Every structure is written in C-alpha cells, then in structure tokens.
C-alpha atoms as a PDB file:
ATOM      1  CA  UNK A   1     101.045-130.787 186.725  1.00  0.00           C
ATOM      2  CA  UNK A   2     103.987-128.219 186.474  1.00  0.00           C
ATOM      3  CA  UNK A   3     106.265-127.664 189.349  1.00  0.00           C
ATOM      4  CA  UNK A   4     104.860-124.199 189.386  1.00  0.00           C
ATOM      5  CA  UNK A   5     101.374-125.499 189.768  1.00  0.00           C
ATOM      6  CA  UNK A   6     102.366-127.848 192.435  1.00  0.00           C
ATOM      7  CA  UNK A   7     104.374-125.249 194.426  1.00  0.00           C
ATOM      8  CA  UNK A   8     102.079-124.305 197.623  1.00  0.00           C
ATOM      9  CA  UNK A   9     102.905-122.215 200.564  1.00  0.00           C
ATOM     10  CA  UNK A  10     103.279-124.479 203.416  1.00  0.00           C
ATOM     11  CA  UNK A  11     103.638-123.113 207.002  1.00  0.00           C
ATOM     12  CA  UNK A  12     103.290-126.366 208.796  1.00  0.00           C
ATOM     13  CA  UNK A  13     106.351-125.681 211.014  1.00  0.00           C
ATOM     14  CA  UNK A  14     105.148-122.306 212.541  1.00  0.00           C
ATOM     15  CA  UNK A  15     102.487-121.751 215.269  1.00  0.00           C
ATOM     16  CA  UNK A  16     101.534-118.903 217.379  1.00  0.00           C
ATOM     17  CA  UNK A  17     100.269-119.126 220.977  1.00  0.00           C
ATOM     18  CA  UNK A  18      98.721-115.884 221.279  1.00  0.00           C
ATOM     19  CA  UNK A  19      97.514-112.763 219.397  1.00  0.00           C
ATOM     20  CA  UNK A  20      99.808-109.692 218.569  1.00  0.00           C
ATOM     21  CA  UNK A  21     103.385-109.012 217.729  1.00  0.00           C
ATOM     22  CA  UNK A  22     104.443-110.370 220.982  1.00  0.00           C
ATOM     23  CA  UNK A  23     102.913-113.688 220.445  1.00  0.00           C
ATOM     24  CA  UNK A  24     104.999-116.695 221.485  1.00  0.00           C
ATOM     25  CA  UNK A  25     106.350-118.709 218.385  1.00  0.00           C
ATOM     26  CA  UNK A  26     107.277-122.394 218.249  1.00  0.00           C
ATOM     27  CA  UNK A  27     108.225-124.422 215.238  1.00  0.00           C
ATOM     28  CA  UNK A  28     109.817-127.742 214.307  1.00  0.00           C
ATOM     29  CA  UNK A  29     113.269-127.707 212.810  1.00  0.00           C
ATOM     30  CA  UNK A  30     115.509-130.652 212.190  1.00  0.00           C
ATOM     31  CA  UNK A  31     113.868-132.546 215.016  1.00  0.00           C
ATOM     32  CA  UNK A  32     114.299-129.832 217.501  1.00  0.00           C
ATOM     33  CA  UNK A  33     111.617-127.271 218.621  1.00  0.00           C
ATOM     34  CA  UNK A  34     112.517-123.523 218.049  1.00  0.00           C
ATOM     35  CA  UNK A  35     110.642-121.361 220.503  1.00  0.00           C
ATOM     36  CA  UNK A  36     110.781-117.462 220.922  1.00  0.00           C
ATOM     37  CA  UNK A  37     108.725-115.148 223.178  1.00  0.00           C
ATOM     38  CA  UNK A  38     107.984-113.156 220.029  1.00  0.00           C
ATOM     39  CA  UNK A  39     109.477-112.408 216.613  1.00  0.00           C
ATOM     40  CA  UNK A  40     113.386-112.313 216.638  1.00  0.00           C
ATOM     41  CA  UNK A  41     114.650-108.736 217.256  1.00  0.00           C
ATOM     42  CA  UNK A  42     118.451-109.475 217.222  1.00  0.00           C
ATOM     43  CA  UNK A  43     118.955-112.306 214.847  1.00  0.00           C
ATOM     44  CA  UNK A  44     122.340-113.294 213.537  1.00  0.00           C
ATOM     45  CA  UNK A  45     122.855-115.185 210.384  1.00  0.00           C
ATOM     46  CA  UNK A  46     125.897-117.538 209.784  1.00  0.00           C
ATOM     47  CA  UNK A  47     125.930-118.036 206.151  1.00  0.00           C
ATOM     48  CA  UNK A  48     124.865-116.169 203.005  1.00  0.00           C
ATOM     49  CA  UNK A  49     121.877-118.318 202.330  1.00  0.00           C
ATOM     50  CA  UNK A  50     120.523-117.699 205.701  1.00  0.00           C
ATOM     51  CA  UNK A  51     121.365-113.885 205.379  1.00  0.00           C
ATOM     52  CA  UNK A  52     119.724-113.561 202.096  1.00  0.00           C
ATOM     53  CA  UNK A  53     116.667-115.478 203.380  1.00  0.00           C
ATOM     54  CA  UNK A  54     116.301-112.980 206.170  1.00  0.00           C
ATOM     55  CA  UNK A  55     116.859-110.003 203.814  1.00  0.00           C
ATOM     56  CA  UNK A  56     114.321-111.349 201.148  1.00  0.00           C
ATOM     57  CA  UNK A  57     111.573-110.789 203.629  1.00  0.00           C
ATOM     58  CA  UNK A  58     112.856-107.304 204.964  1.00  0.00           C
ATOM     59  CA  UNK A  59     114.071-108.420 208.205  1.00  0.00           C
ATOM     60  CA  UNK A  60     117.320-106.342 208.373  1.00  0.00           C
ATOM     61  CA  UNK A  61     116.217-104.161 211.141  1.00  0.00           C
ATOM     62  CA  UNK A  62     115.873-107.225 213.254  1.00  0.00           C
ATOM     63  CA  UNK A  63     119.274-108.509 212.496  1.00  0.00           C
ATOM     64  CA  UNK A  64     122.286-107.928 214.750  1.00  0.00           C
ATOM     65  CA  UNK A  65     125.013-109.517 212.613  1.00  0.00           C
ATOM     66  CA  UNK A  66     125.819-111.550 209.519  1.00  0.00           C
ATOM     67  CA  UNK A  67     128.852-113.905 208.414  1.00  0.00           C
ATOM     68  CA  UNK A  68     130.380-116.105 205.836  1.00  0.00           C
ATOM     69  CA  UNK A  69     129.728-115.132 202.285  1.00  0.00           C
ATOM     70  CA  UNK A  70     130.182-117.793 199.592  1.00  0.00           C
ATOM     71  CA  UNK A  71     130.168-114.931 196.787  1.00  0.00           C
ATOM     72  CA  UNK A  72     128.465-111.455 196.867  1.00  0.00           C
ATOM     73  CA  UNK A  73     125.111-110.616 198.248  1.00  0.00           C
ATOM     74  CA  UNK A  74     122.379-110.181 195.465  1.00  0.00           C
ATOM     75  CA  UNK A  75     122.189-106.707 194.038  1.00  0.00           C
ATOM     76  CA  UNK A  76     118.575-106.475 195.251  1.00  0.00           C
ATOM     77  CA  UNK A  77     119.513-106.973 198.810  1.00  0.00           C
ATOM     78  CA  UNK A  78     122.836-105.156 198.947  1.00  0.00           C
ATOM     79  CA  UNK A  79     121.576-101.992 200.598  1.00  0.00           C
ATOM     80  CA  UNK A  80     119.783-103.861 203.289  1.00  0.00           C
ATOM     81  CA  UNK A  81     122.896-106.182 203.854  1.00  0.00           C
ATOM     82  CA  UNK A  82     124.853-102.960 204.317  1.00  0.00           C
ATOM     83  CA  UNK A  83     122.680-102.102 207.387  1.00  0.00           C
ATOM     84  CA  UNK A  84     123.721-105.244 209.150  1.00  0.00           C
ATOM     85  CA  UNK A  85     127.063-105.607 210.880  1.00  0.00           C
ATOM     86  CA  UNK A  86     129.248-108.315 209.231  1.00  0.00           C
ATOM     87  CA  UNK A  87     130.927-110.262 211.969  1.00  0.00           C
ATOM     88  CA  UNK A  88     133.131-112.049 209.606  1.00  0.00           C
ATOM     89  CA  UNK A  89     132.481-112.225 205.703  1.00  0.00           C
ATOM     90  CA  UNK A  90     135.025-115.078 205.159  1.00  0.00           C
ATOM     91  CA  UNK A  91     134.413-117.583 207.861  1.00  0.00           C
ATOM     92  CA  UNK A  92     132.162-118.075 210.875  1.00  0.00           C
ATOM     93  CA  UNK A  93     132.672-115.573 213.626  1.00  0.00           C
ATOM     94  CA  UNK A  94     134.245-116.576 216.961  1.00  0.00           C
ATOM     95  CA  UNK A  95     131.817-117.730 219.469  1.00  0.00           C
ATOM     96  CA  UNK A  96     132.676-114.627 221.621  1.00  0.00           C
ATOM     97  CA  UNK A  97     132.132-112.294 218.746  1.00  0.00           C
ATOM     98  CA  UNK A  98     128.757-113.763 218.151  1.00  0.00           C
ATOM     99  CA  UNK A  99     127.544-113.744 221.809  1.00  0.00           C
ATOM    100  CA  UNK A 100     128.667-109.985 221.979  1.00  0.00           C
ATOM    101  CA  UNK A 101     125.737-109.087 219.659  1.00  0.00           C
ATOM    102  CA  UNK A 102     123.355-110.381 222.232  1.00  0.00           C
ATOM    103  CA  UNK A 103     121.452-112.481 219.807  1.00  0.00           C
ATOM    104  CA  UNK A 104     117.906-113.830 220.451  1.00  0.00           C
ATOM    105  CA  UNK A 105     118.054-116.163 217.416  1.00  0.00           C
ATOM    106  CA  UNK A 106     121.009-117.622 215.339  1.00  0.00           C
ATOM    107  CA  UNK A 107     120.226-118.957 211.886  1.00  0.00           C
ATOM    108  CA  UNK A 108     122.826-121.268 209.713  1.00  0.00           C
ATOM    109  CA  UNK A 109     122.492-122.815 206.415  1.00  0.00           C
ATOM    110  CA  UNK A 110     124.681-125.844 207.349  1.00  0.00           C
ATOM    111  CA  UNK A 111     124.552-127.961 210.519  1.00  0.00           C
ATOM    112  CA  UNK A 112     128.251-127.503 210.738  1.00  0.00           C
ATOM    113  CA  UNK A 113     127.904-124.046 211.932  1.00  0.00           C
ATOM    114  CA  UNK A 114     126.677-125.645 215.234  1.00  0.00           C
ATOM    115  CA  UNK A 115     129.726-127.610 216.115  1.00  0.00           C
ATOM    116  CA  UNK A 116     132.279-126.804 219.024  1.00  0.00           C
ATOM    117  CA  UNK A 117     134.695-125.970 216.111  1.00  0.00           C
ATOM    118  CA  UNK A 118     132.467-123.477 214.751  1.00  0.00           C
ATOM    119  CA  UNK A 119     130.086-121.330 217.081  1.00  0.00           C
ATOM    120  CA  UNK A 120     128.952-123.940 219.559  1.00  0.00           C
ATOM    121  CA  UNK A 121     126.346-126.481 219.599  1.00  0.00           C
ATOM    122  CA  UNK A 122     122.536-126.110 219.715  1.00  0.00           C
ATOM    123  CA  UNK A 123     122.696-127.115 223.325  1.00  0.00           C
ATOM    124  CA  UNK A 124     125.263-124.625 224.263  1.00  0.00           C
ATOM    125  CA  UNK A 125     122.924-121.970 222.879  1.00  0.00           C
ATOM    126  CA  UNK A 126     120.017-123.582 224.748  1.00  0.00           C
ATOM    127  CA  UNK A 127     121.524-123.017 227.777  1.00  0.00           C
ATOM    128  CA  UNK A 128     121.979-119.400 227.125  1.00  0.00           C
ATOM    129  CA  UNK A 129     118.285-118.903 226.333  1.00  0.00           C
ATOM    130  CA  UNK A 130     119.305-118.257 222.446  1.00  0.00           C
ATOM    131  CA  UNK A 131     117.285-120.084 219.924  1.00  0.00           C
ATOM    132  CA  UNK A 132     118.948-121.702 216.983  1.00  0.00           C
ATOM    133  CA  UNK A 133     117.822-122.974 213.539  1.00  0.00           C
ATOM    134  CA  UNK A 134     119.556-124.381 210.585  1.00  0.00           C
ATOM    135  CA  UNK A 135     118.278-124.885 206.996  1.00  0.00           C
ATOM    136  CA  UNK A 136     115.999-128.009 206.920  1.00  0.00           C
ATOM    137  CA  UNK A 137     118.196-129.101 203.757  1.00  0.00           C
ATOM    138  CA  UNK A 138     121.150-129.379 205.839  1.00  0.00           C
ATOM    139  CA  UNK A 139     119.865-131.105 209.233  1.00  0.00           C
ATOM    140  CA  UNK A 140     122.578-133.157 210.747  1.00  0.00           C
ATOM    141  CA  UNK A 141     120.323-136.129 210.882  1.00  0.00           C
ATOM    142  CA  UNK A 142     119.845-136.714 207.059  1.00  0.00           C
ATOM    143  CA  UNK A 143     116.646-138.707 207.868  1.00  0.00           C
ATOM    144  CA  UNK A 144     114.998-135.468 208.883  1.00  0.00           C
ATOM    145  CA  UNK A 145     115.904-133.453 205.791  1.00  0.00           C
ATOM    146  CA  UNK A 146     112.926-132.870 203.178  1.00  0.00           C
ATOM    147  CA  UNK A 147     113.467-133.792 199.675  1.00  0.00           C
ATOM    148  CA  UNK A 148     114.557-130.496 197.707  1.00  0.00           C
ATOM    149  CA  UNK A 149     111.535-129.029 195.972  1.00  0.00           C
ATOM    150  CA  UNK A 150     110.251-125.761 195.064  1.00  0.00           C
ATOM    151  CA  UNK A 151     107.407-126.378 197.641  1.00  0.00           C
ATOM    152  CA  UNK A 152     109.969-127.393 200.483  1.00  0.00           C
ATOM    153  CA  UNK A 153     111.927-124.143 199.578  1.00  0.00           C
ATOM    154  CA  UNK A 154     108.753-122.311 200.226  1.00  0.00           C
ATOM    155  CA  UNK A 155     108.355-123.943 203.439  1.00  0.00           C
ATOM    156  CA  UNK A 156     111.686-122.669 204.789  1.00  0.00           C
ATOM    157  CA  UNK A 157     111.088-119.219 203.568  1.00  0.00           C
ATOM    158  CA  UNK A 158     107.751-119.595 205.542  1.00  0.00           C
ATOM    159  CA  UNK A 159     109.842-120.584 208.695  1.00  0.00           C
ATOM    160  CA  UNK A 160     111.834-117.314 208.251  1.00  0.00           C
ATOM    161  CA  UNK A 161     108.556-115.291 208.059  1.00  0.00           C
ATOM    162  CA  UNK A 162     107.124-117.009 211.184  1.00  0.00           C
ATOM    163  CA  UNK A 163     110.297-116.323 213.234  1.00  0.00           C
ATOM    164  CA  UNK A 164     110.521-112.741 212.232  1.00  0.00           C
ATOM    165  CA  UNK A 165     106.878-112.163 212.490  1.00  0.00           C
ATOM    166  CA  UNK A 166     106.708-111.395 208.605  1.00  0.00           C
ATOM    167  CA  UNK A 167     104.491-113.992 207.253  1.00  0.00           C
ATOM    168  CA  UNK A 168     102.981-111.457 204.515  1.00  0.00           C
ATOM    169  CA  UNK A 169     106.446-110.764 203.284  1.00  0.00           C
ATOM    170  CA  UNK A 170     107.344-114.492 203.261  1.00  0.00           C
ATOM    171  CA  UNK A 171     104.127-115.099 201.189  1.00  0.00           C
ATOM    172  CA  UNK A 172     105.086-112.594 198.729  1.00  0.00           C
ATOM    173  CA  UNK A 173     108.442-113.971 198.182  1.00  0.00           C
ATOM    174  CA  UNK A 174     107.074-117.333 197.572  1.00  0.00           C
ATOM    175  CA  UNK A 175     104.397-116.004 195.215  1.00  0.00           C
ATOM    176  CA  UNK A 176     106.906-114.201 193.172  1.00  0.00           C
ATOM    177  CA  UNK A 177     109.027-117.585 193.131  1.00  0.00           C
ATOM    178  CA  UNK A 178     106.092-119.386 191.790  1.00  0.00           C
ATOM    179  CA  UNK A 179     105.400-116.702 189.169  1.00  0.00           C
ATOM    180  CA  UNK A 180     108.996-116.745 187.938  1.00  0.00           C
ATOM    181  CA  UNK A 181     109.288-120.438 187.795  1.00  0.00           C
ATOM    182  CA  UNK A 182     106.059-120.777 185.594  1.00  0.00           C
ATOM    183  CA  UNK A 183     107.771-118.412 183.046  1.00  0.00           C
ATOM    184  CA  UNK A 184     110.980-120.460 182.973  1.00  0.00           C
ATOM    185  CA  UNK A 185     109.063-123.565 182.446  1.00  0.00           C
ATOM    186  CA  UNK A 186     107.099-122.292 179.749  1.00  0.00           C
ATOM    187  CA  UNK A 187     110.081-121.184 177.942  1.00  0.00           C
ATOM    188  CA  UNK A 188     112.125-124.443 178.511  1.00  0.00           C
ATOM    189  CA  UNK A 189     115.200-123.204 176.760  1.00  0.00           C
ATOM    190  CA  UNK A 190     117.213-126.269 177.273  1.00  0.00           C
ATOM    191  CA  UNK A 191     114.761-128.750 175.963  1.00  0.00           C
ATOM    192  CA  UNK A 192     116.718-131.582 174.383  1.00  0.00           C
ATOM    193  CA  UNK A 193     120.002-130.472 175.830  1.00  0.00           C
ATOM    194  CA  UNK A 194     122.404-132.431 178.266  1.00  0.00           C
ATOM    195  CA  UNK A 195     123.788-130.253 181.023  1.00  0.00           C
ATOM    196  CA  UNK A 196     126.831-130.960 183.295  1.00  0.00           C
ATOM    197  CA  UNK A 197     126.634-128.717 186.496  1.00  0.00           C
ATOM    198  CA  UNK A 198     130.303-128.346 187.625  1.00  0.00           C
ATOM    199  CA  UNK A 199     130.699-126.913 191.038  1.00  0.00           C
ATOM    200  CA  UNK A 200     134.309-127.497 191.894  1.00  0.00           C
ATOM    201  CA  UNK A 201     137.408-129.847 191.777  1.00  0.00           C
ATOM    202  CA  UNK A 202     139.643-131.015 189.370  1.00  0.00           C
ATOM    203  CA  UNK A 203     141.122-134.545 189.839  1.00  0.00           C
ATOM    204  CA  UNK A 204     137.261-135.388 190.775  1.00  0.00           C
ATOM    205  CA  UNK A 205     134.606-133.106 189.762  1.00  0.00           C
ATOM    206  CA  UNK A 206     132.240-132.186 192.354  1.00  0.00           C
ATOM    207  CA  UNK A 207     128.806-132.089 190.532  1.00  0.00           C
ATOM    208  CA  UNK A 208     125.059-131.390 190.894  1.00  0.00           C
ATOM    209  CA  UNK A 209     123.255-134.601 191.283  1.00  0.00           C
ATOM    210  CA  UNK A 210     119.751-135.502 191.133  1.00  0.00           C
ATOM    211  CA  UNK A 211     118.215-134.268 194.316  1.00  0.00           C
ATOM    212  CA  UNK A 212     119.240-130.698 194.941  1.00  0.00           C
ATOM    213  CA  UNK A 213     119.152-127.059 193.602  1.00  0.00           C
ATOM    214  CA  UNK A 214     120.983-127.747 190.510  1.00  0.00           C
ATOM    215  CA  UNK A 215     118.626-130.596 189.479  1.00  0.00           C
ATOM    216  CA  UNK A 216     115.623-128.273 190.133  1.00  0.00           C
ATOM    217  CA  UNK A 217     116.826-125.675 187.900  1.00  0.00           C
ATOM    218  CA  UNK A 218     117.898-128.070 185.205  1.00  0.00           C
ATOM    219  CA  UNK A 219     114.419-129.587 185.344  1.00  0.00           C
ATOM    220  CA  UNK A 220     112.845-125.884 185.221  1.00  0.00           C
ATOM    221  CA  UNK A 221     114.785-125.174 182.069  1.00  0.00           C
ATOM    222  CA  UNK A 222     113.717-128.373 180.313  1.00  0.00           C
ATOM    223  CA  UNK A 223     117.272-129.970 180.168  1.00  0.00           C
ATOM    224  CA  UNK A 224     118.655-133.297 181.219  1.00  0.00           C
ATOM    225  CA  UNK A 225     121.441-133.618 183.907  1.00  0.00           C
ATOM    226  CA  UNK A 226     124.252-135.793 182.837  1.00  0.00           C
ATOM    227  CA  UNK A 227     124.493-136.879 186.688  1.00  0.00           C
ATOM    228  CA  UNK A 228     120.655-137.595 186.841  1.00  0.00           C
ATOM    229  CA  UNK A 229     121.575-141.202 187.676  1.00  0.00           C
ATOM    230  CA  UNK A 230     123.454-140.164 190.730  1.00  0.00           C
ATOM    231  CA  UNK A 231     121.639-139.901 194.046  1.00  0.00           C
ATOM    232  CA  UNK A 232     122.276-136.544 196.080  1.00  0.00           C
ATOM    233  CA  UNK A 233     122.113-132.910 195.872  1.00  0.00           C
ATOM    234  CA  UNK A 234     126.066-132.579 195.384  1.00  0.00           C
ATOM    235  CA  UNK A 235     128.603-135.418 195.046  1.00  0.00           C
ATOM    236  CA  UNK A 236     131.788-136.631 193.678  1.00  0.00           C
ATOM    237  CA  UNK A 237     131.162-137.323 189.752  1.00  0.00           C
ATOM    238  CA  UNK A 238     133.901-138.792 187.365  1.00  0.00           C
ATOM    239  CA  UNK A 239     135.308-137.230 184.355  1.00  0.00           C
ATOM    240  CA  UNK A 240     134.609-140.657 182.662  1.00  0.00           C
ATOM    241  CA  UNK A 241     130.932-139.922 182.754  1.00  0.00           C
ATOM    242  CA  UNK A 242     131.166-136.387 181.627  1.00  0.00           C
ATOM    243  CA  UNK A 243     133.244-137.539 178.663  1.00  0.00           C
ATOM    244  CA  UNK A 244     130.671-140.363 177.809  1.00  0.00           C
ATOM    245  CA  UNK A 245     127.689-137.780 177.996  1.00  0.00           C
ATOM    246  CA  UNK A 246     129.605-134.968 175.987  1.00  0.00           C
ATOM    247  CA  UNK A 247     127.249-132.434 177.415  1.00  0.00           C
ATOM    248  CA  UNK A 248     125.569-129.662 175.328  1.00  0.00           C
ATOM    249  CA  UNK A 249     126.071-126.972 178.176  1.00  0.00           C
ATOM    250  CA  UNK A 250     128.133-126.766 181.207  1.00  0.00           C
ATOM    251  CA  UNK A 251     126.885-124.897 184.245  1.00  0.00           C
ATOM    252  CA  UNK A 252     129.857-123.310 186.232  1.00  0.00           C
ATOM    253  CA  UNK A 253     129.267-122.418 189.945  1.00  0.00           C
ATOM    254  CA  UNK A 254     131.107-119.038 190.609  1.00  0.00           C
ATOM    255  CA  UNK A 255     132.108-119.282 194.190  1.00  0.00           C
ATOM    256  CA  UNK A 256     134.883-117.356 196.122  1.00  0.00           C
ATOM    257  CA  UNK A 257     136.792-120.695 196.673  1.00  0.00           C
ATOM    258  CA  UNK A 258     136.435-121.943 193.113  1.00  0.00           C
ATOM    259  CA  UNK A 259     135.582-119.458 190.432  1.00  0.00           C
ATOM    260  CA  UNK A 260     133.934-119.971 187.407  1.00  0.00           C
ATOM    261  CA  UNK A 261     136.724-118.713 185.489  1.00  0.00           C
ATOM    262  CA  UNK A 262     139.202-121.156 186.980  1.00  0.00           C
ATOM    263  CA  UNK A 263     137.013-123.965 185.978  1.00  0.00           C
ATOM    264  CA  UNK A 264     136.649-122.773 182.489  1.00  0.00           C
ATOM    265  CA  UNK A 265     140.480-122.324 182.200  1.00  0.00           C
ATOM    266  CA  UNK A 266     141.036-125.980 183.403  1.00  0.00           C
ATOM    267  CA  UNK A 267     138.402-127.488 181.013  1.00  0.00           C
ATOM    268  CA  UNK A 268     139.966-125.603 178.112  1.00  0.00           C
ATOM    269  CA  UNK A 269     143.496-126.789 178.932  1.00  0.00           C
ATOM    270  CA  UNK A 270     142.789-130.450 179.939  1.00  0.00           C
ATOM    271  CA  UNK A 271     143.865-132.585 176.871  1.00  0.00           C
ATOM    272  CA  UNK A 272     140.659-134.643 177.036  1.00  0.00           C
ATOM    273  CA  UNK A 273     138.085-132.329 178.228  1.00  0.00           C
ATOM    274  CA  UNK A 274     138.908-129.562 175.846  1.00  0.00           C
ATOM    275  CA  UNK A 275     137.298-131.596 173.095  1.00  0.00           C
ATOM    276  CA  UNK A 276     133.893-131.753 174.624  1.00  0.00           C
ATOM    277  CA  UNK A 277     131.239-130.139 172.580  1.00  0.00           C
ATOM    278  CA  UNK A 278     130.372-127.729 175.149  1.00  0.00           C
ATOM    279  CA  UNK A 279     133.962-126.583 175.764  1.00  0.00           C
ATOM    280  CA  UNK A 280     134.601-126.320 172.104  1.00  0.00           C
ATOM    281  CA  UNK A 281     131.387-124.355 171.534  1.00  0.00           C
ATOM    282  CA  UNK A 282     131.982-122.238 174.511  1.00  0.00           C
ATOM    283  CA  UNK A 283     128.581-123.270 175.964  1.00  0.00           C
ATOM    284  CA  UNK A 284     129.105-122.260 179.297  1.00  0.00           C
ATOM    285  CA  UNK A 285     126.494-120.983 181.645  1.00  0.00           C
ATOM    286  CA  UNK A 286     127.791-118.989 184.956  1.00  0.00           C
ATOM    287  CA  UNK A 287     125.771-119.101 188.108  1.00  0.00           C
ATOM    288  CA  UNK A 288     126.684-117.653 191.688  1.00  0.00           C
ATOM    289  CA  UNK A 289     127.051-120.567 193.930  1.00  0.00           C
ATOM    290  CA  UNK A 290     124.539-118.713 196.215  1.00  0.00           C
ATOM    291  CA  UNK A 291     122.012-118.895 193.653  1.00  0.00           C
ATOM    292  CA  UNK A 292     122.374-122.763 193.278  1.00  0.00           C
ATOM    293  CA  UNK A 293     121.389-123.699 196.618  1.00  0.00           C
ATOM    294  CA  UNK A 294     117.671-124.038 198.162  1.00  0.00           C
ATOM    295  CA  UNK A 295     116.403-120.708 199.460  1.00  0.00           C
ATOM    296  CA  UNK A 296     114.788-117.638 197.968  1.00  0.00           C
ATOM    297  CA  UNK A 297     117.881-116.971 195.388  1.00  0.00           C
ATOM    298  CA  UNK A 298     117.360-120.350 193.726  1.00  0.00           C
ATOM    299  CA  UNK A 299     114.851-118.891 191.420  1.00  0.00           C
ATOM    300  CA  UNK A 300     117.513-116.222 190.356  1.00  0.00           C
ATOM    301  CA  UNK A 301     119.758-119.134 189.501  1.00  0.00           C
ATOM    302  CA  UNK A 302     116.938-120.681 187.241  1.00  0.00           C
ATOM    303  CA  UNK A 303     116.401-117.258 185.851  1.00  0.00           C
ATOM    304  CA  UNK A 304     120.012-116.844 184.951  1.00  0.00           C
ATOM    305  CA  UNK A 305     120.481-120.221 183.274  1.00  0.00           C
ATOM    306  CA  UNK A 306     117.280-119.657 181.228  1.00  0.00           C
ATOM    307  CA  UNK A 307     118.552-116.263 180.181  1.00  0.00           C
ATOM    308  CA  UNK A 308     122.067-117.627 179.019  1.00  0.00           C
ATOM    309  CA  UNK A 309     120.271-120.329 177.191  1.00  0.00           C
ATOM    310  CA  UNK A 310     118.136-117.858 175.313  1.00  0.00           C
ATOM    311  CA  UNK A 311     115.009-118.320 177.250  1.00  0.00           C
ATOM    312  CA  UNK A 312     114.895-114.747 178.534  1.00  0.00           C
ATOM    313  CA  UNK A 313     114.937-113.626 182.195  1.00  0.00           C
ATOM    314  CA  UNK A 314     112.051-114.448 184.178  1.00  0.00           C
END
C-alpha cells in the first residue's frame, strides 16, 4: 500500500461536549489536556509552522498574533498572514507582549517555546486560563511523540481544525495533501538516486535522518537517504558518510539562519566536497526550511523536490 493509500484523517485527539459553535473542546496534546469553552477566537502562534497550520484552514480571523519566521510565509497564505499582527518575526515575543493580545490559546511548533526563557511554561498559562498547544512532533517528553508520517501530520492538522472549530477546512487540507502525495509517488523522479539532505553546519553537517520530514519527502520521490541508517528526524551527520555515499542529489534547506546559497558556496569551495558528483553536476535541490517540517506545508516540500528532479509539480 502506498503512503497515499495509507494516509487517513484521524481526529482521535478532539472531542466536543455539546452541539453548536460554542461547544466545549477538549483534546490530548503531549500528555496534557487542552480545553476551551468553544473554538479559539484570539489565538497566537509562536512559530512559522504553527502559523501556517492555522492559516491553512482559514483561521486568520481567529488569530490575535504571530511570531518567529524561519523564512517566508508560503505565497498562498501571505494575504491572510498580513491580516494578523506580527508580534516578533525574528524571535519569540516577550511574555508581556504576548499577554497584551489577550490570547485564549497559544500554539507553538517547539516545546522550547513554553519555557521561562521564552514565553513561559504551560503551567503559567494554565494559571491565567489560557490554553496551550505544542506540535505533537516536538513534545518535551520524547516518548509521547508520534512517529512522523503523513497520517500523523494529518492528525495534527485535524487538531487545529478542532481547536478553531474548522473541521471541514482541516479535512480539505488533508484531502489535498493525500491527492498531491499520490501524484508525487507515481512520478518517483528520484528512483535509483541517493539523496543527502543538508540542513545546516559546516564543521559537522546537520542532516535529515530517517524519521522526519526529509525522510518522508525522500520516500515520496522514490529516492534513498544517505543517512537512512541514522535514527532521528534531524541529527549531526558526518562528512565522511557523505563522501562515502557520493550522493546523486543534495537537498539544501533554505533558512534565514543558514541559506541554501551559503551551503552551496561551502560545498563548492571545500577541497574534498567540491568533487562530489552532486556538486560537480550542480545537482542541488532547494527547499524552504518551513517546507521540510511536519505540517500542511511538507507536501509543498515534496512537490518542490519532485519538480526540481523533473517529476513535475503535484
């Protein structure tokens, strides 16, 4: 069975206690229970992934603020993004700035957002009657994290639909993801190719391992990850492994803190790495970092890789 066939919409996290738009909402998130009296009306998203998850289901009118961009908001959501106040596009906002928005729900893509050095702990928001939600893929307790799959990505999108009272819109996002994925898998433009997913770093490369967004994309396009034997979504790799694998294709994550161009320049100027087949043949694929992490935009990452490898845009 293909990934597309196996992908099913799962709303196991969300339940409603009564009928109507004002129905109480309760769902499990990273071992905690998120409860709201009704759909969020003044949500704040603290990371680009969380922001785009909310915008993907059309929730901009229910958002009081956003923060912390990795690169740029996807074109299809830029108009909606412009309607929401940006508290700090380069970092987490101060706790004071966040509370001034009078949020009823705060979303984050990473558990580190809910630390004292960032905006404050989950418990500190509980004390104020403000609900919090963190991406299941970044639960502080790693044992509660689901395996990264297209199915579990669908479940997180469903959570957003539940918390915003936009289940039909979430269903549509997941359905489109499934449809696009089927086309990418059918094209399989990377069949027979070894792929190195290069996120950042020079002395030690930070790479896409076998359990995250990069692996899902590499599988979708039919390629083989040169770090498939390394457990983890992202990890410190080694240039020795890259040299031994001599990849056919190098995917470069394009992020504000480490651009694709900077990595390309490094590879082309390193005495050993410049002789890699992919470097000599200019076999580079560029993907925005925000399209390489679990969420509604990961399918865009898969589509971009497919297109740049000649498989067409799904």
